Amino acid sequence: LKGLKPWAKIILMGISADDMFSFPALSLTGH
């Protein structure tokens, strides 16, 4: 996420062994 441009799209696909995905809220909302 550090390298994404503002308004970027993050596409999740497939199934991971660690199901929980915790996003940094400030980065998510600010950008």
PDB file of all heavy atoms in Angstrom:
ATOM      1  N   LEU A   1       0.826  -1.210   0.000  1.00  0.00           N
ATOM      2  CA  LEU A   1       0.000   0.000   0.000  1.00  0.00           C
ATOM      3  C   LEU A   1       0.859   1.258   0.000  1.00  0.00           C
ATOM      4  O   LEU A   1       0.423   2.310  -0.476  1.00  0.00           O
ATOM      5  CB  LEU A   1      -0.921   0.014   1.221  1.00  0.00           C
ATOM      6  CG  LEU A   1      -1.946  -1.110   1.367  1.00  0.00           C
ATOM      7  CD1 LEU A   1      -2.836  -0.858   2.569  1.00  0.00           C
ATOM      8  CD2 LEU A   1      -2.782  -1.258   0.105  1.00  0.00           C
ATOM      9  N   LYS A   2       2.078   1.146   0.528  1.00  0.00           N
ATOM     10  CA  LYS A   2       2.981   2.313   0.540  1.00  0.00           C
ATOM     11  C   LYS A   2       3.248   2.837  -0.861  1.00  0.00           C
ATOM     12  O   LYS A   2       3.554   4.026  -1.036  1.00  0.00           O
ATOM     13  CB  LYS A   2       4.313   1.936   1.177  1.00  0.00           C
ATOM     14  CG  LYS A   2       4.250   1.409   2.596  1.00  0.00           C
ATOM     15  CD  LYS A   2       5.637   0.941   3.032  1.00  0.00           C
ATOM     16  CE  LYS A   2       5.617   0.253   4.375  1.00  0.00           C
ATOM     17  NZ  LYS A   2       6.959  -0.289   4.725  1.00  0.00           N
ATOM     18  N   GLY A   3       3.158   1.956  -1.847  1.00  0.00           N
ATOM     19  CA  GLY A   3       3.518   2.352  -3.201  1.00  0.00           C
ATOM     20  C   GLY A   3       2.346   2.629  -4.113  1.00  0.00           C
ATOM     21  O   GLY A   3       2.537   2.846  -5.315  1.00  0.00           O
ATOM     22  N   LEU A   4       1.141   2.642  -3.567  1.00  0.00           N
ATOM     23  CA  LEU A   4      -0.014   2.885  -4.422  1.00  0.00           C
ATOM     24  C   LEU A   4      -0.272   4.376  -4.606  1.00  0.00           C
ATOM     25  O   LEU A   4      -0.073   5.182  -3.690  1.00  0.00           O
ATOM     26  CB  LEU A   4      -1.257   2.212  -3.832  1.00  0.00           C
ATOM     27  CG  LEU A   4      -1.208   0.688  -3.715  1.00  0.00           C
ATOM     28  CD1 LEU A   4      -2.564   0.162  -3.243  1.00  0.00           C
ATOM     29  CD2 LEU A   4      -0.812   0.044  -5.041  1.00  0.00           C
ATOM     30  N   LYS A   5      -0.761   4.737  -5.758  1.00  0.00           N
ATOM     31  CA  LYS A   5      -1.111   6.113  -6.057  1.00  0.00           C
ATOM     32  C   LYS A   5      -2.483   6.432  -5.476  1.00  0.00           C
ATOM     33  O   LYS A   5      -3.286   5.520  -5.231  1.00  0.00           O
ATOM     34  CB  LYS A   5      -1.099   6.322  -7.575  1.00  0.00           C
ATOM     35  CG  LYS A   5       0.274   6.056  -8.207  1.00  0.00           C
ATOM     36  CD  LYS A   5       0.208   6.014  -9.711  1.00  0.00           C
ATOM     37  CE  LYS A   5       0.036   7.387 -10.308  1.00  0.00           C
ATOM     38  NZ  LYS A   5       0.180   7.349 -11.793  1.00  0.00           N
ATOM     39  N   PRO A   6      -2.796   7.685  -5.226  1.00  0.00           N
ATOM     40  CA  PRO A   6      -4.132   8.034  -4.739  1.00  0.00           C
ATOM     41  C   PRO A   6      -5.222   7.492  -5.664  1.00  0.00           C
ATOM     42  O   PRO A   6      -5.060   7.463  -6.878  1.00  0.00           O
ATOM     43  CB  PRO A   6      -4.112   9.565  -4.730  1.00  0.00           C
ATOM     44  CG  PRO A   6      -2.668   9.913  -4.559  1.00  0.00           C
ATOM     45  CD  PRO A   6      -1.914   8.865  -5.326  1.00  0.00           C
ATOM     46  N   TRP A   7      -6.319   7.050  -5.061  1.00  0.00           N
ATOM     47  CA  TRP A   7      -7.465   6.480  -5.764  1.00  0.00           C
ATOM     48  C   TRP A   7      -7.142   5.122  -6.397  1.00  0.00           C
ATOM     49  O   TRP A   7      -7.857   4.660  -7.290  1.00  0.00           O
ATOM     50  CB  TRP A   7      -8.012   7.447  -6.835  1.00  0.00           C
ATOM     51  CG  TRP A   7      -8.498   8.736  -6.255  1.00  0.00           C
ATOM     52  CD1 TRP A   7      -7.776   9.871  -6.020  1.00  0.00           C
ATOM     53  CD2 TRP A   7      -9.822   9.019  -5.802  1.00  0.00           C
ATOM     54  NE1 TRP A   7      -8.555  10.852  -5.456  1.00  0.00           N
ATOM     55  CE2 TRP A   7      -9.829  10.349  -5.305  1.00  0.00           C
ATOM     56  CE3 TRP A   7     -11.008   8.284  -5.768  1.00  0.00           C
ATOM     57  CZ2 TRP A   7     -10.965  10.939  -4.784  1.00  0.00           C
ATOM     58  CZ3 TRP A   7     -12.139   8.885  -5.245  1.00  0.00           C
ATOM     59  CH2 TRP A   7     -12.107  10.199  -4.765  1.00  0.00           C
ATOM     60  N   ALA A   8      -6.102   4.478  -5.938  1.00  0.00           N
ATOM     61  CA  ALA A   8      -5.745   3.166  -6.475  1.00  0.00           C
ATOM     62  C   ALA A   8      -6.773   2.107  -6.072  1.00  0.00           C
ATOM     63  O   ALA A   8      -7.493   2.258  -5.079  1.00  0.00           O
ATOM     64  CB  ALA A   8      -4.358   2.753  -5.982  1.00  0.00           C
ATOM     65  N   LYS A   9      -6.812   1.050  -6.848  1.00  0.00           N
ATOM     66  CA  LYS A   9      -7.698  -0.074  -6.570  1.00  0.00           C
ATOM     67  C   LYS A   9      -6.876  -1.284  -6.141  1.00  0.00           C
ATOM     68  O   LYS A   9      -5.872  -1.619  -6.783  1.00  0.00           O
ATOM     69  CB  LYS A   9      -8.522  -0.426  -7.806  1.00  0.00           C
ATOM     70  CG  LYS A   9      -9.483   0.673  -8.241  1.00  0.00           C
ATOM     71  CD  LYS A   9     -10.241   0.276  -9.494  1.00  0.00           C
ATOM     72  CE  LYS A   9     -11.211   1.376  -9.921  1.00  0.00           C
ATOM     73  NZ  LYS A   9     -11.950   1.023 -11.154  1.00  0.00           N
ATOM     74  N   ILE A  10      -7.325  -1.923  -5.052  1.00  0.00           N
ATOM     75  CA  ILE A  10      -6.671  -3.123  -4.534  1.00  0.00           C
ATOM     76  C   ILE A  10      -7.623  -4.285  -4.797  1.00  0.00           C
ATOM     77  O   ILE A  10      -8.741  -4.308  -4.277  1.00  0.00           O
ATOM     78  CB  ILE A  10      -6.392  -2.992  -3.028  1.00  0.00           C
ATOM     79  CG1 ILE A  10      -5.545  -1.741  -2.768  1.00  0.00           C
ATOM     80  CG2 ILE A  10      -5.712  -4.242  -2.473  1.00  0.00           C
ATOM     81  CD1 ILE A  10      -5.848  -1.080  -1.452  1.00  0.00           C
ATOM     82  N   ILE A  11      -7.199  -5.225  -5.616  1.00  0.00           N
ATOM     83  CA  ILE A  11      -8.064  -6.333  -6.011  1.00  0.00           C
ATOM     84  C   ILE A  11      -7.633  -7.589  -5.263  1.00  0.00           C
ATOM     85  O   ILE A  11      -6.524  -8.087  -5.447  1.00  0.00           O
ATOM     86  CB  ILE A  11      -8.006  -6.592  -7.530  1.00  0.00           C
ATOM     87  CG1 ILE A  11      -8.083  -5.268  -8.310  1.00  0.00           C
ATOM     88  CG2 ILE A  11      -9.120  -7.540  -7.933  1.00  0.00           C
ATOM     89  CD1 ILE A  11      -9.372  -4.521  -8.158  1.00  0.00           C
ATOM     90  N   LEU A  12      -8.530  -8.084  -4.414  1.00  0.00           N
ATOM     91  CA  LEU A  12      -8.284  -9.314  -3.675  1.00  0.00           C
ATOM     92  C   LEU A  12      -8.908 -10.465  -4.437  1.00  0.00           C
ATOM     93  O   LEU A  12     -10.045 -10.377  -4.886  1.00  0.00           O
ATOM     94  CB  LEU A  12      -8.893  -9.243  -2.276  1.00  0.00           C
ATOM     95  CG  LEU A  12      -8.556  -8.025  -1.419  1.00  0.00           C
ATOM     96  CD1 LEU A  12      -9.206  -8.164  -0.048  1.00  0.00           C
ATOM     97  CD2 LEU A  12      -7.052  -7.883  -1.279  1.00  0.00           C
ATOM     98  N   MET A  13      -8.150 -11.567  -4.553  1.00  0.00           N
ATOM     99  CA  MET A  13      -8.668 -12.737  -5.272  1.00  0.00           C
ATOM    100  C   MET A  13      -8.150 -13.989  -4.588  1.00  0.00           C
ATOM    101  O   MET A  13      -7.205 -13.962  -3.816  1.00  0.00           O
ATOM    102  CB  MET A  13      -8.224 -12.698  -6.730  1.00  0.00           C
ATOM    103  CG  MET A  13      -6.719 -12.856  -6.916  1.00  0.00           C
ATOM    104  SD  MET A  13      -6.136 -12.370  -8.534  1.00  0.00           S
ATOM    105  CE  MET A  13      -6.033 -10.584  -8.314  1.00  0.00           C
ATOM    106  N   GLY A  14      -8.792 -15.098  -4.869  1.00  0.00           N
ATOM    107  CA  GLY A  14      -8.319 -16.348  -4.310  1.00  0.00           C
ATOM    108  C   GLY A  14      -8.566 -16.444  -2.815  1.00  0.00           C
ATOM    109  O   GLY A  14      -9.279 -15.652  -2.212  1.00  0.00           O
ATOM    110  N   ILE A  15      -7.960 -17.446  -2.213  1.00  0.00           N
ATOM    111  CA  ILE A  15      -8.149 -17.744  -0.798  1.00  0.00           C
ATOM    112  C   ILE A  15      -6.787 -17.864  -0.148  1.00  0.00           C
ATOM    113  O   ILE A  15      -5.915 -18.595  -0.623  1.00  0.00           O
ATOM    114  CB  ILE A  15      -8.936 -19.053  -0.610  1.00  0.00           C
ATOM    115  CG1 ILE A  15     -10.308 -18.952  -1.286  1.00  0.00           C
ATOM    116  CG2 ILE A  15      -9.100 -19.384   0.855  1.00  0.00           C
ATOM    117  CD1 ILE A  15     -11.056 -20.260  -1.337  1.00  0.00           C
ATOM    118  N   SER A  16      -6.595 -17.166   0.949  1.00  0.00           N
ATOM    119  CA  SER A  16      -5.329 -17.219   1.679  1.00  0.00           C
ATOM    120  C   SER A  16      -5.495 -18.021   2.955  1.00  0.00           C
ATOM    121  O   SER A  16      -6.589 -18.100   3.524  1.00  0.00           O
ATOM    122  CB  SER A  16      -4.861 -15.797   2.016  1.00  0.00           C
ATOM    123  OG  SER A  16      -3.715 -15.832   2.835  1.00  0.00           O
ATOM    124  N   ALA A  17      -4.396 -18.611   3.408  1.00  0.00           N
ATOM    125  CA  ALA A  17      -4.435 -19.377   4.658  1.00  0.00           C
ATOM    126  C   ALA A  17      -4.725 -18.466   5.843  1.00  0.00           C
ATOM    127  O   ALA A  17      -5.343 -18.885   6.828  1.00  0.00           O
ATOM    128  CB  ALA A  17      -3.121 -20.114   4.859  1.00  0.00           C
ATOM    129  N   ASP A  18      -4.273 -17.204   5.783  1.00  0.00           N
ATOM    130  CA  ASP A  18      -4.586 -16.242   6.849  1.00  0.00           C
ATOM    131  C   ASP A  18      -5.741 -15.361   6.359  1.00  0.00           C
ATOM    132  O   ASP A  18      -5.559 -14.463   5.567  1.00  0.00           O
ATOM    133  CB  ASP A  18      -3.357 -15.408   7.236  1.00  0.00           C
ATOM    134  CG  ASP A  18      -2.716 -14.693   6.067  1.00  0.00           C
ATOM    135  OD1 ASP A  18      -2.822 -15.186   4.935  1.00  0.00           O
ATOM    136  OD2 ASP A  18      -2.102 -13.639   6.284  1.00  0.00           O
ATOM    137  N   ASP A  19      -6.912 -15.638   6.843  1.00  0.00           N
ATOM    138  CA  ASP A  19      -8.120 -15.062   6.267  1.00  0.00           C
ATOM    139  C   ASP A  19      -8.301 -13.588   6.609  1.00  0.00           C
ATOM    140  O   ASP A  19      -8.898 -12.835   5.857  1.00  0.00           O
ATOM    141  CB  ASP A  19      -9.337 -15.860   6.738  1.00  0.00           C
ATOM    142  CG  ASP A  19     -10.600 -15.457   5.997  1.00  0.00           C
ATOM    143  OD1 ASP A  19     -10.569 -15.441   4.755  1.00  0.00           O
ATOM    144  OD2 ASP A  19     -11.602 -15.161   6.657  1.00  0.00           O
ATOM    145  N   MET A  20      -7.816 -13.135   7.753  1.00  0.00           N
ATOM    146  CA  MET A  20      -8.031 -11.753   8.170  1.00  0.00           C
ATOM    147  C   MET A  20      -7.075 -10.810   7.445  1.00  0.00           C
ATOM    148  O   MET A  20      -5.870 -11.037   7.397  1.00  0.00           O
ATOM    149  CB  MET A  20      -7.852 -11.628   9.686  1.00  0.00           C
ATOM    150  CG  MET A  20      -8.852 -12.453  10.475  1.00  0.00           C
ATOM    151  SD  MET A  20     -10.575 -12.053  10.070  1.00  0.00           S
ATOM    152  CE  MET A  20     -10.663 -10.361  10.623  1.00  0.00           C
ATOM    153  N   PHE A  21      -7.621  -9.743   6.894  1.00  0.00           N
ATOM    154  CA  PHE A  21      -6.837  -8.750   6.163  1.00  0.00           C
ATOM    155  C   PHE A  21      -7.058  -7.407   6.851  1.00  0.00           C
ATOM    156  O   PHE A  21      -8.133  -6.814   6.739  1.00  0.00           O
ATOM    157  CB  PHE A  21      -7.302  -8.701   4.714  1.00  0.00           C
ATOM    158  CG  PHE A  21      -6.325  -8.063   3.760  1.00  0.00           C
ATOM    159  CD1 PHE A  21      -6.442  -8.287   2.397  1.00  0.00           C
ATOM    160  CD2 PHE A  21      -5.294  -7.256   4.197  1.00  0.00           C
ATOM    161  CE1 PHE A  21      -5.568  -7.708   1.495  1.00  0.00           C
ATOM    162  CE2 PHE A  21      -4.413  -6.674   3.311  1.00  0.00           C
ATOM    163  CZ  PHE A  21      -4.545  -6.894   1.954  1.00  0.00           C
ATOM    164  N   SER A  22      -6.067  -6.911   7.568  1.00  0.00           N
ATOM    165  CA  SER A  22      -6.187  -5.663   8.334  1.00  0.00           C
ATOM    166  C   SER A  22      -5.514  -4.531   7.586  1.00  0.00           C
ATOM    167  O   SER A  22      -4.295  -4.538   7.393  1.00  0.00           O
ATOM    168  CB  SER A  22      -5.552  -5.838   9.725  1.00  0.00           C
ATOM    169  OG  SER A  22      -6.190  -6.876  10.433  1.00  0.00           O
ATOM    170  N   PHE A  23      -6.299  -3.555   7.159  1.00  0.00           N
ATOM    171  CA  PHE A  23      -5.780  -2.415   6.421  1.00  0.00           C
ATOM    172  C   PHE A  23      -5.477  -1.252   7.361  1.00  0.00           C
ATOM    173  O   PHE A  23      -6.221  -1.014   8.319  1.00  0.00           O
ATOM    174  CB  PHE A  23      -6.798  -1.933   5.388  1.00  0.00           C
ATOM    175  CG  PHE A  23      -6.948  -2.830   4.208  1.00  0.00           C
ATOM    176  CD1 PHE A  23      -7.972  -3.756   4.150  1.00  0.00           C
ATOM    177  CD2 PHE A  23      -6.071  -2.759   3.145  1.00  0.00           C
ATOM    178  CE1 PHE A  23      -8.129  -4.578   3.062  1.00  0.00           C
ATOM    179  CE2 PHE A  23      -6.209  -3.580   2.042  1.00  0.00           C
ATOM    180  CZ  PHE A  23      -7.240  -4.495   2.007  1.00  0.00           C
ATOM    181  N   PRO A  24      -4.421  -0.485   7.081  1.00  0.00           N
ATOM    182  CA  PRO A  24      -4.189   0.749   7.843  1.00  0.00           C
ATOM    183  C   PRO A  24      -5.246   1.790   7.470  1.00  0.00           C
ATOM    184  O   PRO A  24      -5.314   2.250   6.326  1.00  0.00           O
ATOM    185  CB  PRO A  24      -2.785   1.177   7.392  1.00  0.00           C
ATOM    186  CG  PRO A  24      -2.591   0.527   6.064  1.00  0.00           C
ATOM    187  CD  PRO A  24      -3.370  -0.738   6.093  1.00  0.00           C
ATOM    188  N   ALA A  25      -6.073   2.173   8.429  1.00  0.00           N
ATOM    189  CA  ALA A  25      -7.238   3.012   8.145  1.00  0.00           C
ATOM    190  C   ALA A  25      -6.853   4.390   7.600  1.00  0.00           C
ATOM    191  O   ALA A  25      -7.501   4.911   6.693  1.00  0.00           O
ATOM    192  CB  ALA A  25      -8.085   3.162   9.408  1.00  0.00           C
ATOM    193  N   LEU A  26      -5.809   5.000   8.153  1.00  0.00           N
ATOM    194  CA  LEU A  26      -5.425   6.344   7.717  1.00  0.00           C
ATOM    195  C   LEU A  26      -4.995   6.332   6.257  1.00  0.00           C
ATOM    196  O   LEU A  26      -5.409   7.198   5.466  1.00  0.00           O
ATOM    197  CB  LEU A  26      -4.304   6.887   8.601  1.00  0.00           C
ATOM    198  CG  LEU A  26      -3.808   8.297   8.250  1.00  0.00           C
ATOM    199  CD1 LEU A  26      -4.952   9.304   8.350  1.00  0.00           C
ATOM    200  CD2 LEU A  26      -2.656   8.709   9.167  1.00  0.00           C
ATOM    201  N   SER A  27      -4.183   5.349   5.892  1.00  0.00           N
ATOM    202  CA  SER A  27      -3.738   5.251   4.503  1.00  0.00           C
ATOM    203  C   SER A  27      -4.906   4.984   3.575  1.00  0.00           C
ATOM    204  O   SER A  27      -5.020   5.580   2.498  1.00  0.00           O
ATOM    205  CB  SER A  27      -2.695   4.133   4.378  1.00  0.00           C
ATOM    206  OG  SER A  27      -2.276   3.984   3.041  1.00  0.00           O
ATOM    207  N   LEU A  28      -5.802   4.107   4.002  1.00  0.00           N
ATOM    208  CA  LEU A  28      -6.941   3.729   3.172  1.00  0.00           C
ATOM    209  C   LEU A  28      -7.855   4.918   2.901  1.00  0.00           C
ATOM    210  O   LEU A  28      -8.241   5.181   1.756  1.00  0.00           O
ATOM    211  CB  LEU A  28      -7.713   2.610   3.861  1.00  0.00           C
ATOM    212  CG  LEU A  28      -8.868   1.984   3.098  1.00  0.00           C
ATOM    213  CD1 LEU A  28      -8.362   1.227   1.878  1.00  0.00           C
ATOM    214  CD2 LEU A  28      -9.654   1.047   4.011  1.00  0.00           C
ATOM    215  N   THR A  29      -8.189   5.658   3.948  1.00  0.00           N
ATOM    216  CA  THR A  29      -9.103   6.786   3.790  1.00  0.00           C
ATOM    217  C   THR A  29      -8.401   8.011   3.212  1.00  0.00           C
ATOM    218  O   THR A  29      -8.961   8.711   2.365  1.00  0.00           O
ATOM    219  CB  THR A  29      -9.748   7.153   5.130  1.00  0.00           C
ATOM    220  OG1 THR A  29      -8.716   7.429   6.096  1.00  0.00           O
ATOM    221  CG2 THR A  29     -10.601   6.012   5.637  1.00  0.00           C
ATOM    222  N   GLY A  30      -7.184   8.264   3.662  1.00  0.00           N
ATOM    223  CA  GLY A  30      -6.470   9.454   3.216  1.00  0.00           C
ATOM    224  C   GLY A  30      -6.182   9.449   1.726  1.00  0.00           C
ATOM    225  O   GLY A  30      -6.178  10.509   1.085  1.00  0.00           O
ATOM    226  N   HIS A  31      -5.950   8.258   1.164  1.00  0.00           N
ATOM    227  CA  HIS A  31      -5.640   8.161  -0.265  1.00  0.00           C
ATOM    228  C   HIS A  31      -6.823   7.654  -1.089  1.00  0.00           C
ATOM    229  O   HIS A  31      -6.677   7.431  -2.298  1.00  0.00           O
ATOM    230  CB  HIS A  31      -4.437   7.243  -0.474  1.00  0.00           C
ATOM    231  CG  HIS A  31      -3.174   7.742   0.160  1.00  0.00           C
ATOM    232  ND1 HIS A  31      -2.585   8.937  -0.185  1.00  0.00           N
ATOM    233  CD2 HIS A  31      -2.389   7.216   1.141  1.00  0.00           C
ATOM    234  CE1 HIS A  31      -1.487   9.123   0.541  1.00  0.00           C
ATOM    235  NE2 HIS A  31      -1.359   8.097   1.356  1.00  0.00           N
TER     236      HIS A  31
END
